Every structure is written in structure tokens, then in C-alpha cells.
């Protein structure tokens, strides 16, 4: 794929493309991935987490949500959104 995009397939048959551009721009730990040669060195570890030799990784649950647009419900259990009164 071009740019900072990876096509992913999942064990439930779902698939999708994850664009890492915003991740690279937002998180300092991901900045080495701006070098396209470094970005292309990804692989899946035993969990299977997407990892790079520079030490950056991205969880399979988060990849699934980004690739499919479907929320992994157990990942968000117990999370309470904070609200403020303006």
C-alpha cells in the first residue's frame, strides 16, 4: 500500500486498511515510522501485535477498530466518559 497504510485481515473474516499517518504525527514513540523504510519493517509478534524494530507497537484490538470501524466492546468496558458542566 502507499503512504503509511497497511491492509489487514482478521480471523473473523473482516479486513480493512489502517492509515498510520495520524499516529506517526501524534505519538513521539511512532515518529521513527515517518521513515518509510522503517515503516515497512513491521511484523506480527506472537500475540499478534503489529510491531516495528524501533520498539513501536499497535494492539490487535485497536487495529481491528481502526480497520473495520467496529468497536471491540470488551476493550471499553468500565470506561466512564467524563463530562463537565459549562
PDB file of N, CA and C in Angstrom:
ATOM      1  N   UNK A   1       0.849  -1.178   0.000  1.00  0.00           N
ATOM      2  CA  UNK A   1       0.000   0.000   0.000  1.00  0.00           C
ATOM      3  C   UNK A   1       0.896   1.243   0.000  1.00  0.00           C
ATOM      4  N   UNK A   2       0.320   2.341  -0.397  1.00  0.00           N
ATOM      5  CA  UNK A   2       1.084   3.576  -0.428  1.00  0.00           C
ATOM      6  C   UNK A   2       0.998   4.311   0.903  1.00  0.00           C
ATOM      7  N   UNK A   3       1.855   5.299   1.049  1.00  0.00           N
ATOM      8  CA  UNK A   3       1.844   6.104   2.277  1.00  0.00           C
ATOM      9  C   UNK A   3       2.136   5.269   3.500  1.00  0.00           C
ATOM     10  N   UNK A   4       1.375   5.515   4.545  1.00  0.00           N
ATOM     11  CA  UNK A   4       1.543   4.821   5.818  1.00  0.00           C
ATOM     12  C   UNK A   4       0.326   3.937   6.092  1.00  0.00           C
ATOM     13  N   UNK A   5      -0.122   3.248   5.055  1.00  0.00           N
ATOM     14  CA  UNK A   5      -1.322   2.415   5.175  1.00  0.00           C
ATOM     15  C   UNK A   5      -0.951   0.941   5.071  1.00  0.00           C
ATOM     16  N   UNK A   6      -1.676   0.127   5.867  1.00  0.00           N
ATOM     17  CA  UNK A   6      -1.469  -1.316   5.855  1.00  0.00           C
ATOM     18  C   UNK A   6      -2.831  -1.982   5.728  1.00  0.00           C
ATOM     19  N   UNK A   7      -2.947  -2.927   4.808  1.00  0.00           N
ATOM     20  CA  UNK A   7      -4.155  -3.725   4.645  1.00  0.00           C
ATOM     21  C   UNK A   7      -4.064  -4.904   5.609  1.00  0.00           C
ATOM     22  N   UNK A   8      -5.077  -5.051   6.450  1.00  0.00           N
ATOM     23  CA  UNK A   8      -5.076  -6.100   7.469  1.00  0.00           C
ATOM     24  C   UNK A   8      -6.277  -7.018   7.307  1.00  0.00           C
ATOM     25  N   UNK A   9      -6.070  -8.303   7.582  1.00  0.00           N
ATOM     26  CA  UNK A   9      -7.155  -9.280   7.617  1.00  0.00           C
ATOM     27  C   UNK A   9      -7.211  -9.885   9.009  1.00  0.00           C
ATOM     28  N   UNK A  10      -8.409 -10.196   9.475  1.00  0.00           N
ATOM     29  CA  UNK A  10      -8.608 -10.706  10.833  1.00  0.00           C
ATOM     30  C   UNK A  10      -9.232 -12.094  10.810  1.00  0.00           C
ATOM     31  N   UNK A  11      -9.097 -12.810  11.900  1.00  0.00           N
ATOM     32  CA  UNK A  11      -9.539 -14.199  11.976  1.00  0.00           C
ATOM     33  C   UNK A  11     -11.050 -14.361  11.830  1.00  0.00           C
ATOM     34  N   UNK A  12     -11.821 -13.287  12.034  1.00  0.00           N
ATOM     35  CA  UNK A  12     -13.277 -13.379  11.866  1.00  0.00           C
ATOM     36  C   UNK A  12     -13.720 -13.085  10.425  1.00  0.00           C
ATOM     37  N   UNK A  13     -12.747 -12.939   9.532  1.00  0.00           N
ATOM     38  CA  UNK A  13     -13.051 -12.678   8.131  1.00  0.00           C
ATOM     39  C   UNK A  13     -13.112 -11.209   7.763  1.00  0.00           C
ATOM     40  N   UNK A  14     -13.109 -10.338   8.758  1.00  0.00           N
ATOM     41  CA  UNK A  14     -13.135  -8.894   8.495  1.00  0.00           C
ATOM     42  C   UNK A  14     -11.756  -8.451   8.000  1.00  0.00           C
ATOM     43  N   UNK A  15     -11.733  -7.375   7.238  1.00  0.00           N
ATOM     44  CA  UNK A  15     -10.476  -6.794   6.776  1.00  0.00           C
ATOM     45  C   UNK A  15     -10.660  -5.301   6.601  1.00  0.00           C
ATOM     46  N   UNK A  16      -9.569  -4.603   6.479  1.00  0.00           N
ATOM     47  CA  UNK A  16      -9.624  -3.171   6.270  1.00  0.00           C
ATOM     48  C   UNK A  16      -8.235  -2.581   6.216  1.00  0.00           C
ATOM     49  N   UNK A  17      -8.192  -1.324   5.914  1.00  0.00           N
ATOM     50  CA  UNK A  17      -6.930  -0.592   5.799  1.00  0.00           C
ATOM     51  C   UNK A  17      -6.789   0.331   6.993  1.00  0.00           C
ATOM     52  N   UNK A  18      -5.597   0.309   7.589  1.00  0.00           N
ATOM     53  CA  UNK A  18      -5.292   1.231   8.685  1.00  0.00           C
ATOM     54  C   UNK A  18      -4.264   2.227   8.172  1.00  0.00           C
ATOM     55  N   UNK A  19      -4.581   3.511   8.296  1.00  0.00           N
ATOM     56  CA  UNK A  19      -3.670   4.589   7.924  1.00  0.00           C
ATOM     57  C   UNK A  19      -2.999   5.081   9.201  1.00  0.00           C
ATOM     58  N   UNK A  20      -1.685   4.985   9.256  1.00  0.00           N
ATOM     59  CA  UNK A  20      -0.921   5.349  10.441  1.00  0.00           C
ATOM     60  C   UNK A  20      -0.423   6.785  10.425  1.00  0.00           C
ATOM     61  N   UNK A  21      -0.825   7.575   9.442  1.00  0.00           N
ATOM     62  CA  UNK A  21      -0.326   8.945   9.336  1.00  0.00           C
ATOM     63  C   UNK A  21      -0.569   9.740  10.612  1.00  0.00           C
ATOM     64  N   UNK A  22      -1.809   9.713  11.132  1.00  0.00           N
ATOM     65  CA  UNK A  22      -2.108  10.496  12.335  1.00  0.00           C
ATOM     66  C   UNK A  22      -1.377   9.939  13.554  1.00  0.00           C
ATOM     67  N   UNK A  23      -1.162   8.664  13.604  1.00  0.00           N
ATOM     68  CA  UNK A  23      -0.446   8.044  14.726  1.00  0.00           C
ATOM     69  C   UNK A  23       1.009   8.495  14.725  1.00  0.00           C
ATOM     70  N   UNK A  24       1.626   8.489  13.549  1.00  0.00           N
ATOM     71  CA  UNK A  24       3.020   8.922  13.421  1.00  0.00           C
ATOM     72  C   UNK A  24       3.168  10.386  13.810  1.00  0.00           C
ATOM     73  N   UNK A  25       2.193  11.204  13.449  1.00  0.00           N
ATOM     74  CA  UNK A  25       2.254  12.630  13.758  1.00  0.00           C
ATOM     75  C   UNK A  25       1.939  12.932  15.214  1.00  0.00           C
ATOM     76  N   UNK A  26       1.166  12.085  15.879  1.00  0.00           N
ATOM     77  CA  UNK A  26       0.690  12.355  17.236  1.00  0.00           C
ATOM     78  C   UNK A  26       1.600  11.815  18.331  1.00  0.00           C
ATOM     79  N   UNK A  27       2.110  10.614  18.141  1.00  0.00           N
ATOM     80  CA  UNK A  27       2.829   9.932  19.222  1.00  0.00           C
ATOM     81  C   UNK A  27       4.340   9.946  18.988  1.00  0.00           C
ATOM     82  N   UNK A  28       5.108  10.527  19.905  1.00  0.00           N
ATOM     83  CA  UNK A  28       6.565  10.575  19.741  1.00  0.00           C
ATOM     84  C   UNK A  28       7.197   9.195  19.524  1.00  0.00           C
ATOM     85  N   UNK A  29       6.669   8.166  20.162  1.00  0.00           N
ATOM     86  CA  UNK A  29       7.237   6.821  20.006  1.00  0.00           C
ATOM     87  C   UNK A  29       7.077   6.297  18.587  1.00  0.00           C
ATOM     88  N   UNK A  30       6.116   6.840  17.836  1.00  0.00           N
ATOM     89  CA  UNK A  30       5.871   6.395  16.459  1.00  0.00           C
ATOM     90  C   UNK A  30       6.633   7.213  15.427  1.00  0.00           C
ATOM     91  N   UNK A  31       7.298   8.268  15.823  1.00  0.00           N
ATOM     92  CA  UNK A  31       7.950   9.161  14.859  1.00  0.00           C
ATOM     93  C   UNK A  31       9.005   8.484  13.989  1.00  0.00           C
ATOM     94  N   UNK A  32       9.733   7.461  14.500  1.00  0.00           N
ATOM     95  CA  UNK A  32      10.680   6.787  13.589  1.00  0.00           C
ATOM     96  C   UNK A  32       9.994   6.164  12.365  1.00  0.00           C
ATOM     97  N   UNK A  33       8.689   5.898  12.461  1.00  0.00           N
ATOM     98  CA  UNK A  33       7.957   5.296  11.351  1.00  0.00           C
ATOM     99  C   UNK A  33       7.744   6.277  10.196  1.00  0.00           C
ATOM    100  N   UNK A  34       8.029   7.551  10.398  1.00  0.00           N
ATOM    101  CA  UNK A  34       7.922   8.533   9.321  1.00  0.00           C
ATOM    102  C   UNK A  34       8.900   8.198   8.198  1.00  0.00           C
ATOM    103  N   UNK A  35       9.987   7.518   8.544  1.00  0.00           N
ATOM    104  CA  UNK A  35      10.917   6.999   7.535  1.00  0.00           C
ATOM    105  C   UNK A  35      10.247   5.773   6.915  1.00  0.00           C
ATOM    106  N   UNK A  36       9.914   5.851   5.645  1.00  0.00           N
ATOM    107  CA  UNK A  36       9.136   4.775   5.009  1.00  0.00           C
ATOM    108  C   UNK A  36       9.858   3.433   5.031  1.00  0.00           C
ATOM    109  N   UNK A  37      11.188   3.445   5.011  1.00  0.00           N
ATOM    110  CA  UNK A  37      11.922   2.182   5.115  1.00  0.00           C
ATOM    111  C   UNK A  37      11.694   1.544   6.483  1.00  0.00           C
ATOM    112  N   UNK A  38      11.673   2.350   7.529  1.00  0.00           N
ATOM    113  CA  UNK A  38      11.403   1.848   8.882  1.00  0.00           C
ATOM    114  C   UNK A  38       9.952   1.379   8.962  1.00  0.00           C
ATOM    115  N   UNK A  39       9.027   2.168   8.424  1.00  0.00           N
ATOM    116  CA  UNK A  39       7.608   1.813   8.470  1.00  0.00           C
ATOM    117  C   UNK A  39       7.356   0.440   7.849  1.00  0.00           C
ATOM    118  N   UNK A  40       8.023   0.149   6.760  1.00  0.00           N
ATOM    119  CA  UNK A  40       7.803  -1.094   6.040  1.00  0.00           C
ATOM    120  C   UNK A  40       8.387  -2.319   6.739  1.00  0.00           C
ATOM    121  N   UNK A  41       9.076  -2.137   7.854  1.00  0.00           N
ATOM    122  CA  UNK A  41       9.701  -3.252   8.564  1.00  0.00           C
ATOM    123  C   UNK A  41       8.787  -3.875   9.621  1.00  0.00           C
ATOM    124  N   UNK A  42       7.477  -3.665   9.546  1.00  0.00           N
ATOM    125  CA  UNK A  42       6.557  -4.205  10.540  1.00  0.00           C
ATOM    126  C   UNK A  42       6.426  -5.723  10.418  1.00  0.00           C
ATOM    127  N   UNK A  43       6.006  -6.338  11.508  1.00  0.00           N
ATOM    128  CA  UNK A  43       5.647  -7.763  11.506  1.00  0.00           C
ATOM    129  C   UNK A  43       4.689  -8.016  12.669  1.00  0.00           C
ATOM    130  N   UNK A  44       4.081  -9.181  12.676  1.00  0.00           N
ATOM    131  CA  UNK A  44       3.214  -9.574  13.786  1.00  0.00           C
ATOM    132  C   UNK A  44       4.016 -10.409  14.764  1.00  0.00           C
ATOM    133  N   UNK A  45       3.900 -10.089  16.057  1.00  0.00           N
ATOM    134  CA  UNK A  45       4.557 -10.919  17.060  1.00  0.00           C
ATOM    135  C   UNK A  45       3.628 -12.067  17.457  1.00  0.00           C
ATOM    136  N   UNK A  46       3.927 -12.753  18.542  1.00  0.00           N
ATOM    137  CA  UNK A  46       3.161 -13.933  18.956  1.00  0.00           C
ATOM    138  C   UNK A  46       1.771 -13.620  19.486  1.00  0.00           C
ATOM    139  N   UNK A  47       1.435 -12.342  19.737  1.00  0.00           N
ATOM    140  CA  UNK A  47       0.165 -12.019  20.415  1.00  0.00           C
ATOM    141  C   UNK A  47      -1.054 -11.935  19.516  1.00  0.00           C
ATOM    142  N   UNK A  48      -1.256 -11.587  18.380  1.00  0.00           N
ATOM    143  CA  UNK A  48      -0.394 -10.956  17.368  1.00  0.00           C
ATOM    144  C   UNK A  48      -0.537  -9.428  17.372  1.00  0.00           C
ATOM    145  N   UNK A  49       0.494  -8.798  17.800  1.00  0.00           N
ATOM    146  CA  UNK A  49       0.562  -7.341  17.826  1.00  0.00           C
ATOM    147  C   UNK A  49       1.432  -6.894  16.661  1.00  0.00           C
ATOM    148  N   UNK A  50       1.043  -5.816  16.006  1.00  0.00           N
ATOM    149  CA  UNK A  50       1.855  -5.256  14.932  1.00  0.00           C
ATOM    150  C   UNK A  50       3.013  -4.508  15.577  1.00  0.00           C
ATOM    151  N   UNK A  51       4.247  -4.892  15.243  1.00  0.00           N
ATOM    152  CA  UNK A  51       5.429  -4.317  15.883  1.00  0.00           C
ATOM    153  C   UNK A  51       6.452  -3.897  14.834  1.00  0.00           C
ATOM    154  N   UNK A  52       7.306  -2.965  15.242  1.00  0.00           N
ATOM    155  CA  UNK A  52       8.402  -2.493  14.421  1.00  0.00           C
ATOM    156  C   UNK A  52       9.706  -2.639  15.199  1.00  0.00           C
ATOM    157  N   UNK A  53      10.835  -2.802  14.511  1.00  0.00           N
ATOM    158  CA  UNK A  53      12.125  -2.936  15.187  1.00  0.00           C
ATOM    159  C   UNK A  53      12.491  -1.734  16.067  1.00  0.00           C
ATOM    160  N   UNK A  54      11.914  -0.558  15.794  1.00  0.00           N
ATOM    161  CA  UNK A  54      12.213   0.637  16.596  1.00  0.00           C
ATOM    162  C   UNK A  54      11.559   0.573  17.978  1.00  0.00           C
ATOM    163  N   UNK A  55      10.702  -0.442  18.207  1.00  0.00           N
ATOM    164  CA  UNK A  55      10.060  -0.599  19.506  1.00  0.00           C
ATOM    165  C   UNK A  55       8.602  -0.182  19.544  1.00  0.00           C
ATOM    166  N   UNK A  56       8.102   0.454  18.498  1.00  0.00           N
ATOM    167  CA  UNK A  56       6.700   0.856  18.478  1.00  0.00           C
ATOM    168  C   UNK A  56       5.833  -0.354  18.176  1.00  0.00           C
ATOM    169  N   UNK A  57       4.666  -0.420  18.829  1.00  0.00           N
ATOM    170  CA  UNK A  57       3.711  -1.488  18.524  1.00  0.00           C
ATOM    171  C   UNK A  57       2.295  -0.953  18.594  1.00  0.00           C
ATOM    172  N   UNK A  58       1.358  -1.738  18.050  1.00  0.00           N
ATOM    173  CA  UNK A  58      -0.044  -1.329  17.999  1.00  0.00           C
ATOM    174  C   UNK A  58      -0.889  -2.561  18.236  1.00  0.00           C
ATOM    175  N   UNK A  59      -1.756  -2.501  19.219  1.00  0.00           N
ATOM    176  CA  UNK A  59      -2.506  -3.680  19.651  1.00  0.00           C
ATOM    177  C   UNK A  59      -3.471  -4.179  18.579  1.00  0.00           C
ATOM    178  N   UNK A  60      -3.705  -5.502  18.553  1.00  0.00           N
ATOM    179  CA  UNK A  60      -4.641  -6.048  17.572  1.00  0.00           C
ATOM    180  C   UNK A  60      -6.059  -5.500  17.741  1.00  0.00           C
ATOM    181  N   UNK A  61      -6.470  -5.226  18.967  1.00  0.00           N
ATOM    182  CA  UNK A  61      -7.818  -4.687  19.197  1.00  0.00           C
ATOM    183  C   UNK A  61      -7.964  -3.294  18.595  1.00  0.00           C
ATOM    184  N   UNK A  62      -6.961  -2.479  18.793  1.00  0.00           N
ATOM    185  CA  UNK A  62      -7.002  -1.123  18.223  1.00  0.00           C
ATOM    186  C   UNK A  62      -6.915  -1.163  16.707  1.00  0.00           C
ATOM    187  N   UNK A  63      -6.114  -2.073  16.179  1.00  0.00           N
ATOM    188  CA  UNK A  63      -6.045  -2.241  14.726  1.00  0.00           C
ATOM    189  C   UNK A  63      -7.402  -2.648  14.169  1.00  0.00           C
ATOM    190  N   UNK A  64      -8.076  -3.571  14.854  1.00  0.00           N
ATOM    191  CA  UNK A  64      -9.383  -4.051  14.419  1.00  0.00           C
ATOM    192  C   UNK A  64     -10.381  -2.898  14.364  1.00  0.00           C
ATOM    193  N   UNK A  65     -10.399  -2.091  15.421  1.00  0.00           N
ATOM    194  CA  UNK A  65     -11.329  -0.961  15.451  1.00  0.00           C
ATOM    195  C   UNK A  65     -11.048   0.017  14.319  1.00  0.00           C
ATOM    196  N   UNK A  66      -9.779   0.323  14.081  1.00  0.00           N
ATOM    197  CA  UNK A  66      -9.434   1.268  13.017  1.00  0.00           C
ATOM    198  C   UNK A  66      -9.711   0.689  11.634  1.00  0.00           C
ATOM    199  N   UNK A  67      -9.435  -0.594  11.453  1.00  0.00           N
ATOM    200  CA  UNK A  67      -9.577  -1.208  10.127  1.00  0.00           C
ATOM    201  C   UNK A  67     -11.033  -1.466   9.752  1.00  0.00           C
ATOM    202  N   UNK A  68     -11.845  -1.839  10.725  1.00  0.00           N
ATOM    203  CA  UNK A  68     -13.216  -2.252  10.422  1.00  0.00           C
ATOM    204  C   UNK A  68     -14.261  -1.210  10.790  1.00  0.00           C
ATOM    205  N   UNK A  69     -13.897  -0.273  11.664  1.00  0.00           N
ATOM    206  CA  UNK A  69     -14.874   0.700  12.148  1.00  0.00           C
ATOM    207  C   UNK A  69     -15.804   0.125  13.191  1.00  0.00           C
ATOM    208  N   UNK A  70     -15.551  -1.113  13.613  1.00  0.00           N
ATOM    209  CA  UNK A  70     -16.377  -1.751  14.633  1.00  0.00           C
ATOM    210  C   UNK A  70     -15.684  -1.690  15.984  1.00  0.00           C
ATOM    211  N   UNK A  71     -16.444  -1.369  16.982  1.00  0.00           N
ATOM    212  CA  UNK A  71     -15.921  -1.237  18.336  1.00  0.00           C
ATOM    213  C   UNK A  71     -15.733  -2.611  18.980  1.00  0.00           C
ATOM    214  N   UNK A  72     -14.597  -2.803  19.635  1.00  0.00           N
ATOM    215  CA  UNK A  72     -14.338  -4.010  20.411  1.00  0.00           C
ATOM    216  C   UNK A  72     -14.895  -3.735  21.801  1.00  0.00           C
ATOM    217  N   UNK A  73     -16.084  -4.257  22.084  1.00  0.00           N
ATOM    218  CA  UNK A  73     -16.828  -3.856  23.287  1.00  0.00           C
ATOM    219  C   UNK A  73     -16.074  -4.119  24.583  1.00  0.00           C
ATOM    220  N   UNK A  74     -15.441  -5.278  24.712  1.00  0.00           N
ATOM    221  CA  UNK A  74     -14.768  -5.577  25.978  1.00  0.00           C
ATOM    222  C   UNK A  74     -13.606  -4.632  26.243  1.00  0.00           C
ATOM    223  N   UNK A  75     -13.064  -4.046  25.195  1.00  0.00           N
ATOM    224  CA  UNK A  75     -11.953  -3.117  25.348  1.00  0.00           C
ATOM    225  C   UNK A  75     -12.391  -1.840  26.058  1.00  0.00           C
ATOM    226  N   UNK A  76     -13.676  -1.518  25.965  1.00  0.00           N
ATOM    227  CA  UNK A  76     -14.192  -0.271  26.525  1.00  0.00           C
ATOM    228  C   UNK A  76     -15.057  -0.476  27.764  1.00  0.00           C
ATOM    229  N   UNK A  77     -15.156  -1.704  28.235  1.00  0.00           N
ATOM    230  CA  UNK A  77     -15.977  -1.968  29.427  1.00  0.00           C
ATOM    231  C   UNK A  77     -15.389  -1.228  30.628  1.00  0.00           C
ATOM    232  N   UNK A  78     -16.254  -0.628  31.391  1.00  0.00           N
ATOM    233  CA  UNK A  78     -15.822   0.067  32.595  1.00  0.00           C
ATOM    234  C   UNK A  78     -15.261   1.458  32.354  1.00  0.00           C
ATOM    235  N   UNK A  79     -15.175   1.872  31.106  1.00  0.00           N
ATOM    236  CA  UNK A  79     -14.682   3.205  30.795  1.00  0.00           C
ATOM    237  C   UNK A  79     -15.833   4.185  30.952  1.00  0.00           C
ATOM    238  N   UNK A  80     -15.634   5.170  31.792  1.00  0.00           N
ATOM    239  CA  UNK A  80     -16.665   6.172  32.045  1.00  0.00           C
ATOM    240  C   UNK A  80     -16.211   7.480  31.413  1.00  0.00           C
ATOM    241  N   UNK A  81     -17.040   8.025  30.567  1.00  0.00           N
ATOM    242  CA  UNK A  81     -16.715   9.306  29.946  1.00  0.00           C
ATOM    243  C   UNK A  81     -16.935  10.417  30.950  1.00  0.00           C
ATOM    244  N   UNK A  82     -15.984  11.332  31.009  1.00  0.00           N
ATOM    245  CA  UNK A  82     -16.115  12.476  31.904  1.00  0.00           C
ATOM    246  C   UNK A  82     -16.861  13.585  31.185  1.00  0.00           C
ATOM    247  N   UNK A  83     -17.714  14.241  31.906  1.00  0.00           N
ATOM    248  CA  UNK A  83     -18.421  15.399  31.350  1.00  0.00           C
ATOM    249  C   UNK A  83     -18.214  16.580  32.291  1.00  0.00           C
ATOM    250  N   UNK A  84     -18.307  17.741  31.714  1.00  0.00           N
ATOM    251  CA  UNK A  84     -18.199  18.956  32.519  1.00  0.00           C
ATOM    252  C   UNK A  84     -19.415  19.821  32.261  1.00  0.00           C
ATOM    253  N   UNK A  85     -19.822  20.541  33.246  1.00  0.00           N
ATOM    254  CA  UNK A  85     -20.921  21.486  33.085  1.00  0.00           C
ATOM    255  C   UNK A  85     -20.344  22.828  32.681  1.00  0.00           C
ATOM    256  N   UNK A  86     -20.787  23.333  31.570  1.00  0.00           N
ATOM    257  CA  UNK A  86     -20.245  24.618  31.100  1.00  0.00           C
ATOM    258  C   UNK A  86     -21.201  25.742  31.425  1.00  0.00           C
TER     259      UNK A  86
END
